[in-house]
Structures are given as structure tokens and as C-alpha cells.
Amino acid sequence: MLSYLRKAGYGASFNLYNAANYGTPQIRERVIILCSRDGSEMPYLTPTHSESGEYGLPRWNTFRLAVQDLPSSPQDFVKFPEKRLKYYVC
């Protein structure tokens, strides 16, 4: 993938990032590819959060923190059509 991008004139960098380090309430690692059209190398992303608050960053978010402000009253929802449900139920 990187060689195709570079042959097309893009500058590219990649790294393995943990979504929790960027404020999401989940520990999930993903390979992220950053590209620039001018061929320059892209800088690595700087984390905004850390597991235990190192470097003065806020601690990782939790699911509880993410949903604590949601209203507790019944919520509106849309039912899936019956013919689609067979694809969503195991």
C-alpha cells in the first residue's frame, strides 16, 4: 500500500494507534496511514489521553464517563424491518 501511495506522489507514514489514547472509551488498536499530496512525510499523531495520566494528559475515558450525561428517560428508536433482522441475529 505504501509503495503505491509513494509512486503516486504521496508522502505517507503509518503507525499502530490505540483509540483510547485519543479520547474514545475503548481500548482498540488500529493501523492508521496518513498521507500528503505534496510528498512530504506526515508527522505521527500526538496522543490526547494516557492510561494513567502520564505527561499531564487526561486519563483514558471509560464507557461510564461517556454515557453518564445521557438522559435516563426512554429513548426513541427505529425498528429494523423484519426481513433484515435475520442478518443481525445470531
Protein backbone atom coordinates (compact mmCIF):
# COMPACT_ATOMS: atom_id res chain seq x y z
CA MET A 1 0.00 0.00 0.00
CA LEU A 2 2.75 2.44 0.93
CA SER A 3 4.66 1.81 -2.30
CA TYR A 4 1.53 2.54 -4.37
CA LEU A 5 0.95 5.77 -2.47
CA ARG A 6 4.56 6.86 -2.85
CA LYS A 7 4.60 6.02 -6.58
CA ALA A 8 1.52 8.24 -6.92
CA GLY A 9 3.48 11.11 -5.36
CA TYR A 10 2.07 10.98 -1.86
CA GLY A 11 4.11 11.22 1.30
CA ALA A 12 2.94 8.54 3.70
CA SER A 13 3.55 7.44 7.23
CA PHE A 14 1.84 4.78 9.30
CA ASN A 15 1.71 3.68 12.89
CA LEU A 16 -0.26 1.48 15.27
CA TYR A 17 -2.50 3.69 17.40
CA ASN A 18 -4.67 2.85 20.41
CA ALA A 19 -8.01 4.65 20.19
CA ALA A 20 -8.06 5.07 23.98
CA ASN A 21 -5.09 7.44 23.66
CA TYR A 22 -7.32 9.79 21.64
CA GLY A 23 -10.32 10.02 23.96
CA THR A 24 -12.52 7.14 22.85
CA PRO A 25 -13.96 4.97 25.63
CA GLN A 26 -12.49 1.75 24.26
CA ILE A 27 -9.12 0.05 24.01
CA ARG A 28 -8.80 -0.65 20.32
CA GLU A 29 -5.63 -0.68 18.24
CA ARG A 30 -5.67 0.29 14.58
CA VAL A 31 -3.05 0.89 11.92
CA ILE A 32 -3.51 4.42 10.62
CA ILE A 33 -1.96 5.64 7.36
CA LEU A 34 -1.51 9.39 6.95
CA CYS A 35 -0.78 10.84 3.50
CA SER A 36 0.07 14.19 2.00
CA ARG A 37 -0.31 15.18 -1.63
CA ASP A 38 2.88 17.23 -1.70
CA GLY A 39 5.03 14.17 -0.98
CA SER A 40 6.17 15.29 2.47
CA GLU A 41 6.23 12.83 5.35
CA MET A 42 3.35 13.24 7.76
CA PRO A 43 4.11 13.59 11.47
CA TYR A 44 2.89 10.95 13.89
CA LEU A 45 -0.29 11.74 15.80
CA THR A 46 0.14 13.08 19.33
CA PRO A 47 -1.97 11.33 21.98
CA THR A 48 -4.52 13.41 23.87
CA HIS A 49 -5.06 10.90 26.72
CA SER A 50 -3.00 8.32 28.62
CA GLU A 51 -3.84 5.20 30.62
CA SER A 52 -2.75 6.54 33.99
CA GLY A 53 -2.43 10.29 33.32
CA GLU A 54 1.25 10.39 32.37
CA TYR A 55 2.71 13.55 30.83
CA GLY A 56 -0.12 15.67 32.24
CA LEU A 57 -2.66 14.15 29.86
CA PRO A 58 -6.18 13.22 30.98
CA ARG A 59 -6.72 9.57 31.85
CA TRP A 60 -8.41 7.24 29.37
CA ASN A 61 -12.17 7.67 29.09
CA THR A 62 -14.43 4.87 30.25
CA PHE A 63 -17.81 3.81 28.95
CA ARG A 64 -19.34 5.01 32.22
CA LEU A 65 -17.89 8.50 31.72
CA ALA A 66 -19.02 8.57 28.09
CA VAL A 67 -22.67 7.80 28.91
CA GLN A 68 -23.09 9.43 32.32
CA ASP A 69 -24.77 12.55 30.92
CA LEU A 70 -27.23 10.73 28.69
CA PRO A 71 -30.87 11.12 29.73
CA SER A 72 -32.30 8.15 31.60
CA SER A 73 -35.79 8.62 30.18
CA PRO A 74 -36.99 6.22 27.45
CA GLN A 75 -35.36 6.93 24.11
CA ASP A 76 -36.86 6.96 20.64
CA PHE A 77 -35.65 4.28 18.26
CA VAL A 78 -36.38 2.88 14.85
CA LYS A 79 -37.16 -0.81 14.48
CA PHE A 80 -35.33 -2.75 11.80
CA PRO A 81 -37.59 -4.22 9.12
CA GLU A 82 -38.39 -7.86 9.91
CA LYS A 83 -36.77 -9.11 6.70
CA ARG A 84 -33.42 -7.55 7.76
CA LEU A 85 -33.43 -8.87 11.34
CA LYS A 86 -32.34 -12.33 10.20
CA TYR A 87 -28.96 -10.80 9.25
CA TYR A 88 -28.42 -9.20 12.67
CA VAL A 89 -29.44 -12.07 14.96
CA CYS A 90 -27.00 -14.90 15.59
